[in-house]
Protein backbone atom coordinates (compact mmCIF):
# COMPACT_ATOMS: atom_id res chain seq x y z
CA MET A 1 63.29 -11.48 -51.61
CA THR A 2 63.40 -15.09 -52.80
CA ALA A 3 66.64 -16.51 -54.16
CA ALA A 4 67.35 -19.70 -56.09
CA PRO A 5 67.10 -22.95 -54.10
CA LEU A 6 70.34 -24.43 -52.81
CA VAL A 7 70.68 -27.43 -55.13
CA ASP A 8 73.92 -29.40 -55.43
CA SER A 9 75.33 -31.19 -58.46
CA PHE A 10 73.45 -34.38 -57.49
CA GLY A 11 70.06 -32.65 -57.47
CA ARG A 12 69.68 -32.50 -53.69
CA ARG A 13 67.76 -29.43 -52.55
CA HIS A 14 68.87 -28.09 -49.16
CA ARG A 15 66.19 -27.02 -46.69
CA ASP A 16 67.88 -27.60 -43.30
CA LEU A 17 70.53 -25.35 -41.73
CA ARG A 18 72.32 -26.49 -38.56
CA ILE A 19 73.84 -23.60 -36.61
CA SER A 20 76.34 -24.20 -33.82
CA LEU A 21 76.15 -21.49 -31.15
CA THR A 22 79.27 -22.54 -29.24
CA ASP A 23 81.89 -25.28 -29.22
CA ARG A 24 81.86 -25.42 -25.42
CA CYS A 25 79.97 -28.07 -23.50
CA SER A 26 79.01 -28.72 -19.89
CA LEU A 27 79.66 -32.46 -20.29
CA ARG A 28 82.68 -34.49 -21.38
CA CYS A 29 81.08 -37.48 -23.07
CA THR A 30 83.64 -40.20 -23.65
CA TYR A 31 82.69 -40.60 -27.32
CA CYS A 32 82.98 -36.87 -28.01
CA MET A 33 85.65 -35.17 -25.87
CA PRO A 34 88.70 -35.96 -23.76
CA ALA A 35 88.34 -35.46 -20.01
CA GLU A 36 90.58 -32.38 -20.05
CA GLY A 37 92.49 -30.14 -22.39
CA MET A 38 89.95 -29.15 -25.04
CA PRO A 39 91.18 -26.10 -27.01
CA TRP A 40 88.09 -23.85 -27.11
CA LEU A 41 87.52 -21.32 -29.86
CA PRO A 42 88.59 -17.78 -28.89
CA SER A 43 85.51 -15.74 -28.00
CA GLY A 44 86.30 -13.11 -30.61
CA THR A 45 86.00 -15.68 -33.40
CA LEU A 46 82.42 -16.65 -32.51
CA LEU A 47 79.63 -15.18 -34.59
CA THR A 48 77.56 -12.52 -32.88
CA LEU A 49 73.78 -12.61 -32.72
CA ALA A 50 73.59 -10.09 -35.56
CA GLU A 51 76.05 -12.06 -37.74
CA THR A 52 74.29 -15.37 -37.15
CA THR A 53 70.91 -13.83 -37.93
CA ARG A 54 72.19 -12.20 -41.10
CA ILE A 55 73.58 -15.44 -42.52
CA ALA A 56 70.40 -17.29 -41.57
CA ALA A 57 68.25 -14.64 -43.22
CA VAL A 58 70.10 -15.07 -46.51
CA ALA A 59 69.84 -18.86 -46.21
CA VAL A 60 66.07 -18.64 -45.65
CA GLN A 61 65.80 -16.59 -48.85
CA HIS A 62 67.34 -19.62 -50.58
CA GLY A 63 64.66 -21.96 -49.27
CA ILE A 64 65.99 -23.05 -45.88
CA GLU A 65 62.90 -24.11 -43.92
CA GLU A 66 64.34 -25.47 -40.68
CA ILE A 67 67.12 -24.10 -38.49
CA ARG A 68 68.51 -26.45 -35.85
CA LEU A 69 70.60 -24.88 -33.09
CA THR A 70 73.44 -27.06 -31.86
CA GLY A 71 76.82 -26.96 -30.14
CA GLY A 72 78.79 -27.90 -28.13
CA GLU A 73 75.93 -27.14 -25.81
CA PRO A 74 73.79 -24.29 -27.22
CA LEU A 75 72.21 -23.46 -23.85
CA LEU A 76 75.61 -22.27 -22.63
CA ARG A 77 75.27 -19.31 -24.97
CA PRO A 78 74.23 -16.35 -22.74
CA ASP A 79 71.95 -14.84 -25.40
CA VAL A 80 70.42 -18.13 -26.54
CA VAL A 81 66.82 -16.95 -25.98
CA GLN A 82 67.50 -13.83 -28.05
CA VAL A 83 69.04 -15.97 -30.80
CA VAL A 84 65.92 -18.13 -30.93
CA GLU A 85 63.65 -15.09 -31.03
CA ALA A 86 65.63 -13.47 -33.84
CA LEU A 87 65.71 -16.60 -36.00
CA ALA A 88 62.09 -17.55 -35.40
CA GLY A 89 61.09 -14.03 -36.42
CA LEU A 90 62.84 -14.08 -39.79
CA PRO A 91 60.73 -13.50 -42.90
CA GLY A 92 59.64 -16.90 -44.12
CA SER A 93 59.14 -18.15 -40.55
CA PRO A 94 61.63 -21.03 -40.51
CA GLU A 95 61.04 -23.72 -37.89
CA VAL A 96 63.67 -23.30 -35.18
CA SER A 97 64.60 -26.39 -33.17
CA MET A 98 67.47 -27.28 -30.85
CA THR A 99 69.65 -30.20 -29.83
CA THR A 100 70.74 -29.94 -26.19
CA ASN A 101 72.10 -32.03 -23.35
CA GLY A 102 69.24 -30.66 -21.26
CA LEU A 103 71.25 -29.52 -18.24
CA ARG A 104 70.00 -25.92 -18.40
CA LEU A 105 66.50 -26.65 -19.67
CA GLY A 106 65.03 -26.41 -16.18
CA GLY A 107 65.55 -22.66 -16.10
CA LEU A 108 65.28 -21.88 -19.81
CA ALA A 109 62.50 -24.05 -21.25
CA GLN A 110 59.69 -21.52 -20.84
CA GLY A 111 61.75 -18.64 -22.20
CA LEU A 112 62.79 -20.69 -25.22
CA LYS A 113 59.18 -21.69 -25.89
CA ASP A 114 57.98 -18.10 -25.60
CA ALA A 115 60.77 -16.97 -27.95
CA GLY A 116 59.52 -19.32 -30.67
CA LEU A 117 61.53 -22.52 -30.31
CA ALA A 118 59.41 -25.21 -31.96
CA ARG A 119 61.00 -28.46 -30.89
CA LEU A 120 63.72 -30.07 -28.77
CA ASN A 121 66.11 -32.97 -29.19
CA VAL A 122 67.59 -33.95 -25.82
CA SER A 123 70.63 -36.21 -25.49
CA LEU A 124 70.24 -39.06 -23.00
CA ASP A 125 72.35 -42.22 -23.22
CA THR A 126 71.41 -43.94 -19.96
CA LEU A 127 68.87 -43.92 -17.14
CA SER A 128 71.50 -44.97 -14.60
CA ARG A 129 73.09 -42.22 -12.53
CA GLU A 130 76.31 -44.22 -12.22
CA ARG A 131 76.52 -44.87 -15.96
CA TYR A 132 75.64 -41.28 -16.77
CA GLN A 133 78.59 -40.16 -14.68
CA GLN A 134 80.79 -42.76 -16.38
CA LEU A 135 79.73 -41.69 -19.88
CA THR A 136 79.71 -37.92 -19.38
CA ARG A 137 82.26 -37.56 -16.56
CA ARG A 138 79.65 -35.47 -14.75
CA ASP A 139 77.01 -36.39 -12.12
CA ARG A 140 74.15 -34.52 -13.84
CA LEU A 141 71.46 -37.05 -14.77
CA GLY A 142 68.98 -35.43 -12.40
CA GLN A 143 69.33 -32.10 -14.19
CA VAL A 144 68.53 -33.71 -17.55
CA LEU A 145 65.40 -35.40 -16.21
CA ALA A 146 64.30 -32.17 -14.53
CA GLY A 147 64.90 -30.34 -17.80
CA LEU A 148 62.62 -32.73 -19.66
CA VAL A 149 59.90 -32.14 -17.06
CA ALA A 150 60.34 -28.37 -17.49
CA ALA A 151 60.12 -28.70 -21.27
CA ASP A 152 56.85 -30.63 -20.96
CA ALA A 153 55.47 -27.99 -18.59
CA ALA A 154 56.45 -25.22 -21.02
CA GLY A 155 54.34 -26.86 -23.73
CA PHE A 156 56.97 -28.48 -25.93
CA GLU A 157 55.57 -31.36 -27.97
CA GLY A 158 57.27 -33.88 -30.21
CA THR A 159 60.42 -33.90 -28.09
CA LYS A 160 63.01 -36.40 -29.29
CA ILE A 161 65.56 -38.25 -27.19
CA ASN A 162 68.96 -38.84 -28.82
CA THR A 163 70.86 -41.91 -27.63
CA VAL A 164 74.30 -43.24 -28.52
CA LEU A 165 74.92 -46.85 -27.51
CA LEU A 166 78.47 -47.94 -26.70
CA ARG A 167 79.52 -51.57 -26.84
CA GLY A 168 79.82 -53.06 -23.37
CA VAL A 169 78.68 -49.86 -21.68
CA ASN A 170 74.99 -49.10 -22.20
CA GLU A 171 73.72 -51.23 -25.09
CA ASP A 172 71.73 -53.38 -22.65
CA GLU A 173 69.61 -50.31 -21.83
CA ALA A 174 68.08 -49.97 -25.29
CA PRO A 175 64.69 -51.50 -24.31
CA ALA A 176 64.49 -49.52 -21.05
CA LEU A 177 65.29 -46.27 -22.82
CA LEU A 178 62.56 -46.93 -25.37
CA ARG A 179 60.02 -47.65 -22.62
CA PHE A 180 61.05 -44.42 -20.89
CA ALA A 181 60.41 -42.47 -24.09
CA LEU A 182 57.13 -44.18 -24.91
CA GLU A 183 55.72 -43.60 -21.43
CA ARG A 184 56.40 -39.87 -21.69
CA GLY A 185 55.41 -39.26 -25.30
CA TYR A 186 58.95 -38.73 -26.61
CA GLU A 187 60.39 -40.28 -29.77
CA LEU A 188 63.66 -42.08 -29.16
CA ARG A 189 66.40 -41.87 -31.78
CA PHE A 190 69.37 -44.22 -31.56
CA ILE A 191 72.40 -42.69 -33.29
CA GLU A 192 75.34 -44.75 -34.47
CA GLN A 193 78.58 -43.48 -32.96
CA MET A 194 80.40 -41.52 -35.65
CA PRO A 195 84.11 -40.81 -36.21
CA LEU A 196 83.82 -37.22 -34.99
CA ASP A 197 85.37 -37.49 -31.52
CA ALA A 198 88.05 -34.96 -30.64
CA GLY A 199 90.42 -37.72 -29.53
CA HIS A 200 90.09 -39.69 -32.81
CA THR A 201 89.57 -42.96 -30.91
CA TRP A 202 86.54 -44.18 -32.91
CA THR A 203 86.68 -47.60 -34.55
CA MET A 204 84.13 -49.40 -36.69
CA GLU A 205 84.57 -52.49 -34.51
CA GLY A 206 83.80 -50.61 -31.31
CA MET A 207 80.50 -49.06 -32.35
CA VAL A 208 77.02 -50.55 -31.85
CA ARG A 209 75.63 -50.96 -35.36
CA ALA A 210 72.06 -50.27 -36.44
CA ASP A 211 71.29 -53.94 -37.04
CA LYS A 212 72.35 -54.71 -33.46
CA VAL A 213 70.06 -51.95 -32.13
CA GLN A 214 67.15 -53.38 -34.11
CA ALA A 215 67.85 -56.86 -32.78
CA LEU A 216 67.97 -55.62 -29.18
CA LEU A 217 64.65 -53.82 -29.55
CA SER A 218 62.93 -56.60 -31.48
CA GLU A 219 63.39 -58.94 -28.54
CA HIS A 220 60.93 -56.77 -26.57
CA PHE A 221 58.83 -54.85 -29.11
CA ASP A 222 57.00 -55.45 -32.38
CA LEU A 223 58.58 -53.05 -34.89
CA VAL A 224 56.96 -52.21 -38.23
CA PRO A 225 58.77 -49.90 -40.71
CA VAL A 226 57.23 -46.47 -41.19
CA PRO A 227 57.21 -45.56 -44.92
CA GLY A 228 57.96 -42.17 -46.39
CA ARG A 229 61.33 -41.36 -44.88
CA GLY A 230 62.16 -38.64 -47.40
CA SER A 231 65.28 -36.67 -46.43
CA ALA A 232 64.97 -37.45 -42.71
CA PRO A 233 68.15 -38.92 -41.20
CA ALA A 234 66.27 -41.51 -39.12
CA GLU A 235 64.70 -44.76 -40.27
CA ARG A 236 61.54 -45.12 -38.17
CA TRP A 237 59.49 -48.07 -36.91
CA SER A 238 56.07 -48.02 -35.27
CA VAL A 239 56.11 -49.78 -31.90
CA ASP A 240 53.65 -52.52 -30.91
CA GLY A 241 51.02 -51.42 -33.42
CA THR A 242 50.69 -47.92 -31.95
CA GLN A 243 51.26 -44.44 -33.36
CA SER A 244 54.46 -44.23 -31.30
CA ALA A 245 57.71 -44.72 -33.17
CA VAL A 246 61.41 -45.29 -32.64
CA GLY A 247 64.15 -44.17 -35.00
CA ILE A 248 67.68 -45.22 -35.85
CA ILE A 249 70.14 -42.83 -37.43
CA ALA A 250 72.63 -45.19 -39.07
CA SER A 251 75.03 -42.62 -40.47
CA VAL A 252 77.86 -45.15 -40.71
CA THR A 253 76.38 -48.50 -41.76
CA ARG A 254 73.31 -47.30 -43.68
CA PRO A 255 74.31 -43.85 -44.94
CA PHE A 256 71.54 -41.64 -46.25
CA CYS A 257 73.73 -39.17 -48.11
CA GLY A 258 71.69 -39.53 -51.29
CA ALA A 259 68.79 -37.64 -49.71
CA CYS A 260 70.77 -35.22 -47.52
CA ASP A 261 69.31 -31.72 -47.37
CA ARG A 262 71.51 -30.26 -44.59
CA ILE A 263 74.26 -27.67 -44.41
CA ARG A 264 76.08 -26.53 -41.27
CA LEU A 265 77.39 -23.26 -39.87
CA THR A 266 80.02 -23.56 -37.15
CA ALA A 267 80.11 -21.26 -34.14
CA ASP A 268 83.08 -19.43 -35.67
CA GLY A 269 81.30 -18.80 -38.94
CA GLN A 270 82.54 -21.59 -41.20
CA LEU A 271 80.04 -23.11 -43.61
CA ARG A 272 80.23 -26.89 -44.06
CA SER A 273 78.29 -28.90 -46.63
CA CYS A 274 78.74 -32.15 -44.64
CA LEU A 275 79.64 -33.26 -41.12
CA PHE A 276 82.63 -35.10 -42.59
CA ALA A 277 83.74 -32.41 -45.05
CA GLN A 278 87.40 -31.44 -45.08
CA GLU A 279 86.65 -28.04 -46.61
CA GLU A 280 84.92 -25.02 -45.07
CA THR A 281 83.74 -21.68 -46.46
CA ASP A 282 84.74 -18.74 -44.26
CA LEU A 283 81.63 -16.59 -43.87
CA ARG A 284 82.91 -14.81 -40.76
CA THR A 285 85.75 -13.12 -42.60
CA LEU A 286 83.39 -12.27 -45.43
CA LEU A 287 80.99 -10.57 -43.04
CA ARG A 288 83.63 -8.73 -41.08
CA SER A 289 85.33 -7.42 -44.20
CA GLY A 290 82.13 -5.72 -45.34
CA GLY A 291 80.68 -8.48 -47.53
CA THR A 292 77.25 -7.94 -49.00
CA ASP A 293 74.22 -10.19 -48.77
CA GLU A 294 74.78 -11.02 -52.42
CA GLN A 295 78.29 -12.26 -51.60
CA ILE A 296 76.95 -14.35 -48.71
CA SER A 297 74.36 -15.76 -51.09
CA ALA A 298 77.04 -16.64 -53.63
CA ALA A 299 79.17 -18.33 -50.95
CA LEU A 300 76.20 -20.45 -49.85
CA GLY A 301 75.52 -21.49 -53.41
CA LEU A 302 79.14 -22.37 -54.14
CA SER A 303 79.52 -24.44 -50.97
CA VAL A 304 76.41 -26.48 -51.78
CA ALA A 305 77.40 -26.86 -55.44
CA GLN A 306 80.71 -28.43 -54.36
CA LYS A 307 79.11 -30.90 -51.93
CA ALA A 308 80.36 -34.46 -52.29
CA ALA A 309 78.09 -37.39 -53.08
CA GLY A 310 78.69 -38.97 -49.68
CA HIS A 311 80.95 -39.17 -46.65
CA ALA A 312 82.92 -42.39 -47.43
CA VAL A 313 83.15 -43.47 -43.77
CA GLY A 314 84.55 -46.99 -43.60
CA GLN A 315 85.97 -46.82 -47.11
CA ALA A 316 89.63 -46.83 -48.04
CA GLY A 317 91.16 -43.37 -47.81
CA PHE A 318 88.56 -41.93 -45.45
CA GLU A 319 90.00 -39.23 -43.20
CA GLN A 320 88.29 -38.03 -40.05
CA PRO A 321 87.74 -34.25 -40.05
CA GLY A 322 90.25 -32.23 -38.08
CA ARG A 323 87.44 -30.72 -36.02
CA GLY A 324 85.48 -32.83 -33.55
CA MET A 325 81.69 -32.85 -33.29
CA SER A 326 81.62 -30.18 -30.58
CA ALA A 327 83.44 -27.75 -32.88
CA ILE A 328 81.48 -28.63 -36.02
CA GLY A 329 78.02 -28.67 -34.50
CA GLY A 330 75.63 -31.61 -34.98
């Protein structure tokens, strides 16, 4: 069955569904979580494999083409391989990708590839073991690097590296991180720090802005804009006249809301039309009270129809969402 496309009141057609599998994480990145005391979602509130698959199946009928699995850390989910297999096997064959911190990739990469996972985004903010421990409060850099090697061996191609630069902490590593990615065939994406930390400590003054990232890279590389961005969140530049590229996701200083085609499903079954939305649509209760696929379909349509024009970060009256990034899912 094919349903009507998910089009909002601004004419944006939604093709990308981000699904958080858990709010828990094996790291405590300083820009995301406090060192201790995170209130995790009760296990009984998390969507089951069957519930997640059912919502995704209805979304695919509405024209969703890509499903990105996120967290928290999605590889902490015990049935993550089964989740991938179920979603990749849906009618319509959506592309299933994943954003991960890479710590468990060493043992799971081959299983994920065999289950149908198409692509990986791996978070890596530094190549220094000492800085990695400072940023994440965990001494796990070696596991991330081993996970990338395992992903390569499993046959993953087009792997992206996600990097957040923090002022006075790791911004000097921008050129080295790009060289690391280029040498291994990865595409590096620098992501502006967003006001989605659980501790609500983000400030506009403290973040490393996109123009600063460009300036840091341009001192070492020849960057030429890649045309045809479409709805992609990253602006991309070819590097030194090659086919290799680097991207910057400037969600704060160069918002791309006008072309946004993403909706998000939290691990506890709440549908969000935007990372920064204050409202959620409760699909979990709908499912568990006997809701039909038609009712799920209607809820999806209503949520998208009510989507705001943009996130208003940095503008007067902006309020950070009550949930942090680990609870919302990136």
